[in-house]
N, C-alpha and C. Protein backbone atom coordinates (compact mmCIF):
# COMPACT_ATOMS: atom_id res chain seq x y z
N UNK A 1 -2.39 3.21 31.08
CA UNK A 1 -2.65 2.40 29.89
C UNK A 1 -2.42 0.94 30.26
N UNK A 2 -3.42 0.11 29.94
CA UNK A 2 -3.31 -1.29 30.35
C UNK A 2 -3.98 -2.17 29.31
N UNK A 3 -3.33 -3.30 29.00
CA UNK A 3 -3.89 -4.33 28.15
C UNK A 3 -3.79 -5.66 28.88
N UNK A 4 -4.89 -6.37 28.99
CA UNK A 4 -4.91 -7.64 29.73
C UNK A 4 -5.52 -8.72 28.85
N UNK A 5 -4.70 -9.71 28.52
CA UNK A 5 -5.14 -10.81 27.67
C UNK A 5 -5.71 -11.95 28.52
N UNK A 6 -6.59 -12.71 27.91
CA UNK A 6 -7.13 -13.90 28.55
C UNK A 6 -7.60 -14.87 27.47
N UNK A 7 -7.88 -16.10 27.90
CA UNK A 7 -8.45 -17.09 26.99
C UNK A 7 -7.52 -18.18 26.55
N UNK A 8 -6.25 -18.05 26.82
CA UNK A 8 -5.32 -19.09 26.41
C UNK A 8 -5.43 -20.33 27.28
N UNK A 9 -5.24 -21.48 26.67
CA UNK A 9 -5.24 -22.74 27.41
C UNK A 9 -4.68 -23.85 26.54
N UNK A 10 -4.71 -25.08 27.04
CA UNK A 10 -4.28 -26.25 26.29
C UNK A 10 -5.44 -26.76 25.44
N UNK A 11 -5.18 -26.91 24.14
CA UNK A 11 -6.18 -27.48 23.24
C UNK A 11 -5.51 -28.52 22.35
N UNK A 12 -6.33 -29.38 21.76
CA UNK A 12 -5.81 -30.38 20.84
C UNK A 12 -5.66 -29.77 19.44
N UNK A 13 -4.80 -30.38 18.66
CA UNK A 13 -4.67 -29.99 17.25
C UNK A 13 -6.04 -30.02 16.59
N UNK A 14 -6.34 -28.96 15.85
CA UNK A 14 -7.64 -28.86 15.20
C UNK A 14 -8.68 -28.13 16.02
N UNK A 15 -8.38 -27.85 17.26
CA UNK A 15 -9.32 -27.18 18.14
C UNK A 15 -9.38 -25.67 17.92
N UNK A 16 -10.22 -25.03 18.71
CA UNK A 16 -10.45 -23.59 18.59
C UNK A 16 -10.31 -22.91 19.95
N UNK A 17 -9.93 -21.64 19.88
CA UNK A 17 -9.86 -20.80 21.07
C UNK A 17 -10.25 -19.39 20.67
N UNK A 18 -10.77 -18.63 21.62
CA UNK A 18 -10.96 -17.21 21.41
C UNK A 18 -10.21 -16.46 22.51
N UNK A 19 -9.26 -15.67 22.08
CA UNK A 19 -8.51 -14.83 23.00
C UNK A 19 -9.18 -13.46 23.10
N UNK A 20 -9.09 -12.87 24.28
CA UNK A 20 -9.62 -11.54 24.52
C UNK A 20 -8.53 -10.64 25.08
N UNK A 21 -8.67 -9.36 24.82
CA UNK A 21 -7.73 -8.38 25.34
C UNK A 21 -8.55 -7.17 25.81
N UNK A 22 -8.58 -6.96 27.10
CA UNK A 22 -9.31 -5.83 27.65
C UNK A 22 -8.39 -4.64 27.79
N UNK A 23 -8.81 -3.53 27.22
CA UNK A 23 -8.01 -2.32 27.21
C UNK A 23 -8.57 -1.29 28.17
N UNK A 24 -7.69 -0.52 28.78
CA UNK A 24 -8.13 0.55 29.66
C UNK A 24 -7.06 1.64 29.69
N UNK A 25 -7.50 2.83 30.06
CA UNK A 25 -6.56 3.94 30.22
C UNK A 25 -6.30 4.75 28.98
N UNK A 26 -6.97 4.43 27.88
CA UNK A 26 -6.82 5.21 26.65
C UNK A 26 -8.09 5.03 25.82
N UNK A 27 -8.22 5.87 24.80
CA UNK A 27 -9.39 5.80 23.92
C UNK A 27 -9.18 4.67 22.91
N UNK A 28 -9.68 3.50 23.26
CA UNK A 28 -9.42 2.26 22.51
C UNK A 28 -9.76 2.42 21.03
N UNK A 29 -10.86 3.06 20.74
CA UNK A 29 -11.33 3.14 19.35
C UNK A 29 -10.39 3.95 18.46
N UNK A 30 -9.51 4.74 19.04
CA UNK A 30 -8.59 5.58 18.26
C UNK A 30 -7.32 4.86 17.82
N UNK A 31 -7.12 3.66 18.32
CA UNK A 31 -5.83 2.98 18.10
C UNK A 31 -5.99 1.69 17.30
N UNK A 32 -5.07 1.52 16.33
CA UNK A 32 -4.94 0.22 15.69
C UNK A 32 -4.37 -0.76 16.70
N UNK A 33 -4.82 -1.99 16.58
CA UNK A 33 -4.41 -3.01 17.55
C UNK A 33 -3.86 -4.24 16.82
N UNK A 34 -3.04 -4.97 17.53
CA UNK A 34 -2.42 -6.16 16.94
C UNK A 34 -2.37 -7.30 17.95
N UNK A 35 -2.27 -8.49 17.41
CA UNK A 35 -1.88 -9.67 18.17
C UNK A 35 -0.51 -10.11 17.68
N UNK A 36 0.38 -10.37 18.64
CA UNK A 36 1.69 -10.92 18.33
C UNK A 36 1.88 -12.14 19.22
N UNK A 37 2.81 -13.01 18.85
CA UNK A 37 3.05 -14.21 19.65
C UNK A 37 4.53 -14.51 19.76
N UNK A 38 4.87 -15.19 20.82
CA UNK A 38 6.26 -15.56 21.04
C UNK A 38 6.31 -16.98 21.56
N UNK A 39 6.78 -17.91 20.72
CA UNK A 39 6.92 -19.29 21.18
C UNK A 39 8.00 -19.38 22.25
N UNK A 40 7.96 -20.44 23.04
CA UNK A 40 8.97 -20.64 24.06
C UNK A 40 10.35 -20.69 23.42
N UNK A 41 11.22 -19.79 23.83
CA UNK A 41 12.57 -19.74 23.28
C UNK A 41 12.67 -19.18 21.88
N UNK A 42 11.55 -18.69 21.35
CA UNK A 42 11.54 -18.20 19.97
C UNK A 42 11.43 -16.69 19.87
N UNK A 43 11.39 -16.23 18.63
CA UNK A 43 11.31 -14.80 18.38
C UNK A 43 9.86 -14.32 18.38
N UNK A 44 9.71 -13.03 18.58
CA UNK A 44 8.40 -12.41 18.50
C UNK A 44 7.90 -12.46 17.05
N UNK A 45 6.64 -12.81 16.86
CA UNK A 45 6.06 -12.93 15.53
C UNK A 45 4.72 -12.19 15.50
N UNK A 46 4.55 -11.35 14.49
CA UNK A 46 3.28 -10.67 14.29
C UNK A 46 2.25 -11.68 13.79
N UNK A 47 1.02 -11.59 14.25
CA UNK A 47 -0.03 -12.52 13.86
C UNK A 47 -1.13 -11.83 13.06
N UNK A 48 -1.66 -10.72 13.59
CA UNK A 48 -2.77 -10.04 12.95
C UNK A 48 -2.90 -8.63 13.49
N UNK A 49 -3.49 -7.76 12.68
CA UNK A 49 -3.74 -6.38 13.10
C UNK A 49 -5.09 -5.92 12.59
N UNK A 50 -5.63 -4.94 13.28
CA UNK A 50 -6.89 -4.34 12.87
C UNK A 50 -6.77 -2.83 13.01
N UNK A 51 -7.19 -2.11 11.99
CA UNK A 51 -7.06 -0.67 12.03
C UNK A 51 -8.13 -0.05 12.93
N UNK A 52 -7.94 1.24 13.21
CA UNK A 52 -8.82 1.91 14.16
C UNK A 52 -10.15 2.32 13.53
N UNK A 53 -10.12 3.05 12.44
CA UNK A 53 -11.33 3.63 11.90
C UNK A 53 -12.18 2.65 11.12
N UNK A 54 -11.64 2.16 10.02
CA UNK A 54 -12.44 1.32 9.13
C UNK A 54 -12.41 -0.16 9.49
N UNK A 55 -11.60 -0.52 10.48
CA UNK A 55 -11.56 -1.92 10.91
C UNK A 55 -10.94 -2.87 9.92
N UNK A 56 -10.12 -2.35 9.01
CA UNK A 56 -9.43 -3.25 8.09
C UNK A 56 -8.55 -4.23 8.85
N UNK A 57 -8.48 -5.45 8.36
CA UNK A 57 -7.71 -6.48 9.04
C UNK A 57 -6.57 -6.98 8.18
N UNK A 58 -5.54 -7.45 8.83
CA UNK A 58 -4.32 -7.92 8.18
C UNK A 58 -3.84 -9.16 8.93
N UNK A 59 -3.35 -10.16 8.17
CA UNK A 59 -2.98 -11.42 8.79
C UNK A 59 -1.65 -11.96 8.27
N UNK A 60 -0.94 -12.62 9.16
CA UNK A 60 0.21 -13.44 8.77
C UNK A 60 -0.30 -14.53 7.84
N UNK A 61 0.44 -14.82 6.78
CA UNK A 61 -0.04 -15.79 5.79
C UNK A 61 -0.40 -17.13 6.43
N UNK A 62 0.37 -17.57 7.38
CA UNK A 62 0.15 -18.91 7.94
C UNK A 62 -1.11 -19.02 8.80
N UNK A 63 -1.74 -17.89 9.12
CA UNK A 63 -2.96 -17.94 9.93
C UNK A 63 -4.19 -17.49 9.13
N UNK A 64 -3.99 -17.01 7.91
CA UNK A 64 -5.12 -16.58 7.09
C UNK A 64 -6.11 -17.72 6.89
N UNK A 65 -7.37 -17.41 7.05
CA UNK A 65 -8.40 -18.42 6.90
C UNK A 65 -8.65 -19.24 8.15
N UNK A 66 -7.76 -19.12 9.14
CA UNK A 66 -7.94 -19.84 10.41
C UNK A 66 -8.19 -18.90 11.58
N UNK A 67 -7.55 -17.75 11.56
CA UNK A 67 -7.67 -16.78 12.66
C UNK A 67 -8.48 -15.57 12.19
N UNK A 68 -9.22 -14.98 13.12
CA UNK A 68 -9.97 -13.76 12.84
C UNK A 68 -9.75 -12.76 13.98
N UNK A 69 -9.26 -11.59 13.64
CA UNK A 69 -9.11 -10.52 14.61
C UNK A 69 -10.34 -9.62 14.52
N UNK A 70 -10.82 -9.18 15.67
CA UNK A 70 -11.97 -8.28 15.69
C UNK A 70 -11.87 -7.40 16.93
N UNK A 71 -12.70 -6.36 16.93
CA UNK A 71 -12.68 -5.45 18.06
C UNK A 71 -14.09 -5.01 18.42
N UNK A 72 -14.31 -4.75 19.69
CA UNK A 72 -15.57 -4.22 20.20
C UNK A 72 -15.23 -2.90 20.86
N UNK A 73 -15.39 -1.83 20.13
CA UNK A 73 -15.00 -0.52 20.67
C UNK A 73 -15.89 -0.08 21.83
N UNK A 74 -17.12 -0.52 21.83
CA UNK A 74 -18.02 -0.14 22.92
C UNK A 74 -17.56 -0.73 24.26
N UNK A 75 -16.92 -1.90 24.19
CA UNK A 75 -16.46 -2.57 25.40
C UNK A 75 -14.95 -2.61 25.54
N UNK A 76 -14.26 -1.84 24.68
CA UNK A 76 -12.79 -1.72 24.78
C UNK A 76 -12.10 -3.07 24.79
N UNK A 77 -12.53 -3.93 23.88
CA UNK A 77 -11.99 -5.29 23.86
C UNK A 77 -11.57 -5.71 22.46
N UNK A 78 -10.43 -6.34 22.40
CA UNK A 78 -9.89 -6.92 21.16
C UNK A 78 -10.01 -8.43 21.26
N UNK A 79 -10.30 -9.07 20.14
CA UNK A 79 -10.44 -10.53 20.12
C UNK A 79 -9.55 -11.16 19.07
N UNK A 80 -9.24 -12.43 19.30
CA UNK A 80 -8.61 -13.25 18.27
C UNK A 80 -9.28 -14.62 18.31
N UNK A 81 -10.08 -14.90 17.30
CA UNK A 81 -10.70 -16.22 17.16
C UNK A 81 -9.73 -17.10 16.40
N UNK A 82 -9.36 -18.21 17.00
CA UNK A 82 -8.37 -19.11 16.40
C UNK A 82 -9.02 -20.47 16.17
N UNK A 83 -9.09 -20.89 14.93
CA UNK A 83 -9.66 -22.18 14.56
C UNK A 83 -8.59 -23.05 13.92
N UNK A 84 -8.86 -24.34 13.86
CA UNK A 84 -7.95 -25.30 13.22
C UNK A 84 -6.52 -25.13 13.74
N UNK A 85 -6.39 -25.09 15.03
CA UNK A 85 -5.09 -24.82 15.64
C UNK A 85 -4.09 -25.94 15.35
N UNK A 86 -2.85 -25.53 15.17
CA UNK A 86 -1.75 -26.44 14.87
C UNK A 86 -0.71 -26.34 15.98
N UNK A 87 0.12 -27.36 16.15
CA UNK A 87 1.17 -27.29 17.18
C UNK A 87 2.07 -26.06 17.02
N UNK A 88 2.30 -25.65 15.79
CA UNK A 88 3.17 -24.49 15.56
C UNK A 88 2.53 -23.17 15.97
N UNK A 89 1.24 -23.18 16.33
CA UNK A 89 0.58 -21.98 16.84
C UNK A 89 0.83 -21.78 18.34
N UNK A 90 1.41 -22.77 18.99
CA UNK A 90 1.66 -22.67 20.43
C UNK A 90 2.62 -21.53 20.73
N UNK A 91 2.22 -20.68 21.66
CA UNK A 91 3.04 -19.51 21.99
C UNK A 91 2.33 -18.73 23.10
N UNK A 92 3.02 -17.73 23.61
CA UNK A 92 2.36 -16.72 24.44
C UNK A 92 1.86 -15.64 23.48
N UNK A 93 0.58 -15.36 23.54
CA UNK A 93 -0.04 -14.37 22.66
C UNK A 93 -0.25 -13.07 23.43
N UNK A 94 0.21 -11.98 22.81
CA UNK A 94 0.10 -10.66 23.40
C UNK A 94 -0.73 -9.77 22.49
N UNK A 95 -1.53 -8.90 23.08
CA UNK A 95 -2.13 -7.84 22.29
C UNK A 95 -1.26 -6.59 22.46
N UNK A 96 -1.28 -5.75 21.45
CA UNK A 96 -0.41 -4.59 21.44
C UNK A 96 -1.10 -3.43 20.73
N UNK A 97 -0.72 -2.23 21.12
CA UNK A 97 -1.32 -1.01 20.60
C UNK A 97 -0.28 -0.20 19.86
N UNK A 98 -0.70 0.55 18.84
CA UNK A 98 0.22 1.45 18.17
C UNK A 98 0.67 2.55 19.13
N UNK A 99 1.74 3.24 18.74
CA UNK A 99 2.29 4.28 19.62
C UNK A 99 1.40 5.50 19.67
N UNK A 100 0.79 5.82 18.53
CA UNK A 100 -0.02 7.04 18.45
C UNK A 100 -1.40 6.71 17.89
N UNK A 101 -2.40 7.53 18.23
CA UNK A 101 -3.75 7.28 17.72
C UNK A 101 -3.86 7.60 16.24
N UNK A 102 -4.82 6.95 15.60
CA UNK A 102 -5.18 7.23 14.20
C UNK A 102 -3.98 7.10 13.27
N UNK A 103 -3.17 6.11 13.52
CA UNK A 103 -2.04 5.76 12.65
C UNK A 103 -2.22 4.33 12.17
N UNK A 104 -1.59 3.98 11.05
CA UNK A 104 -1.77 2.62 10.51
C UNK A 104 -1.31 1.55 11.49
N UNK A 105 -1.89 0.38 11.39
CA UNK A 105 -1.47 -0.71 12.27
C UNK A 105 -0.08 -1.22 11.92
N UNK A 106 0.53 -1.85 12.91
CA UNK A 106 1.81 -2.52 12.67
C UNK A 106 1.54 -3.79 11.87
N UNK A 107 2.21 -3.90 10.75
CA UNK A 107 2.10 -5.10 9.91
C UNK A 107 3.53 -5.50 9.55
N UNK A 108 4.21 -6.11 10.46
CA UNK A 108 5.62 -6.46 10.31
C UNK A 108 5.79 -7.89 10.78
N UNK A 109 6.22 -8.78 9.93
CA UNK A 109 6.29 -10.20 10.26
C UNK A 109 7.20 -10.45 11.46
N UNK A 110 8.31 -9.73 11.55
CA UNK A 110 9.24 -9.89 12.67
C UNK A 110 9.37 -8.57 13.40
N UNK A 111 8.35 -8.21 14.19
CA UNK A 111 8.41 -6.94 14.88
C UNK A 111 9.31 -6.98 16.10
N UNK A 112 9.55 -5.81 16.64
CA UNK A 112 10.15 -5.73 17.96
C UNK A 112 9.13 -5.06 18.88
N UNK A 113 9.33 -5.20 20.15
CA UNK A 113 8.41 -4.57 21.09
C UNK A 113 8.37 -3.06 20.87
N UNK A 114 9.46 -2.49 20.40
CA UNK A 114 9.53 -1.04 20.21
C UNK A 114 8.67 -0.55 19.03
N UNK A 115 8.14 -1.46 18.25
CA UNK A 115 7.23 -1.06 17.17
C UNK A 115 5.86 -0.66 17.73
N UNK A 116 5.61 -1.04 18.99
CA UNK A 116 4.31 -0.81 19.59
C UNK A 116 4.40 0.21 20.73
N UNK A 117 3.24 0.81 21.03
CA UNK A 117 3.21 1.77 22.13
C UNK A 117 3.10 1.09 23.48
N UNK A 118 2.33 0.04 23.53
CA UNK A 118 2.19 -0.72 24.76
C UNK A 118 1.69 -2.11 24.42
N UNK A 119 1.85 -3.04 25.35
CA UNK A 119 1.44 -4.42 25.12
C UNK A 119 1.11 -5.07 26.44
N UNK A 120 0.37 -6.16 26.39
CA UNK A 120 0.02 -6.86 27.60
C UNK A 120 1.02 -7.95 27.96
N UNK A 121 0.76 -8.61 29.08
CA UNK A 121 1.68 -9.64 29.56
C UNK A 121 1.52 -10.96 28.83
N UNK A 122 0.39 -11.12 28.17
CA UNK A 122 0.20 -12.30 27.33
C UNK A 122 -0.62 -13.40 27.97
N UNK A 123 -1.07 -14.32 27.12
CA UNK A 123 -1.80 -15.50 27.55
C UNK A 123 -1.24 -16.70 26.80
N UNK A 124 -1.04 -17.81 27.50
CA UNK A 124 -0.37 -18.98 26.93
C UNK A 124 -1.34 -19.85 26.15
N UNK A 125 -0.98 -20.14 24.93
CA UNK A 125 -1.74 -21.09 24.11
C UNK A 125 -0.85 -22.31 23.87
N UNK A 126 -1.35 -23.48 24.24
CA UNK A 126 -0.62 -24.72 24.05
C UNK A 126 -1.47 -25.63 23.18
N UNK A 127 -0.86 -26.22 22.16
CA UNK A 127 -1.58 -27.08 21.23
C UNK A 127 -0.93 -28.46 21.26
N UNK A 128 -1.68 -29.45 21.68
CA UNK A 128 -1.14 -30.81 21.75
C UNK A 128 -1.30 -31.48 20.39
N UNK A 129 -0.28 -32.27 20.03
CA UNK A 129 -0.31 -32.95 18.72
C UNK A 129 -0.89 -34.35 18.84
C-alpha cells in the first residue's frame, strides 16, 4: 500500500496549487480518502475528505469555497485544488486512506495518524505573504 503526494511548492498569497496523490497497492475506488496538513511545529489538521462510493465531499470550514477535493478512480489518483491561498495554509499536506474499505471518511478537525489506515510522506506548500 502506497500513497505518494506531489504538487507542493512556494506560491504567493492569493495563488493556486493542485496537489496530487497517487495510490497503489489497494483498490483505490473502495476507500474514502482525505487530505490532512501539518504546519511546521504545529498539530495535524484535517482539511478535506471524499467518500468512496458517491463521492461526497467534506471540508474544514476555513477552506470551504477555496479548496476542492476530487478523485480519479480510473487512475488511482486523489487531488486537492487549492485557490486563494493564504499564509495560514502553509504546511506539509498528506493524503490518507481509511482503515477499511467502504467505510465513511474521516471527518475530524484534529485527527491523529491512527484515525487513518495509511498515509503518504507529504508535499510542502509554502505561501509567501
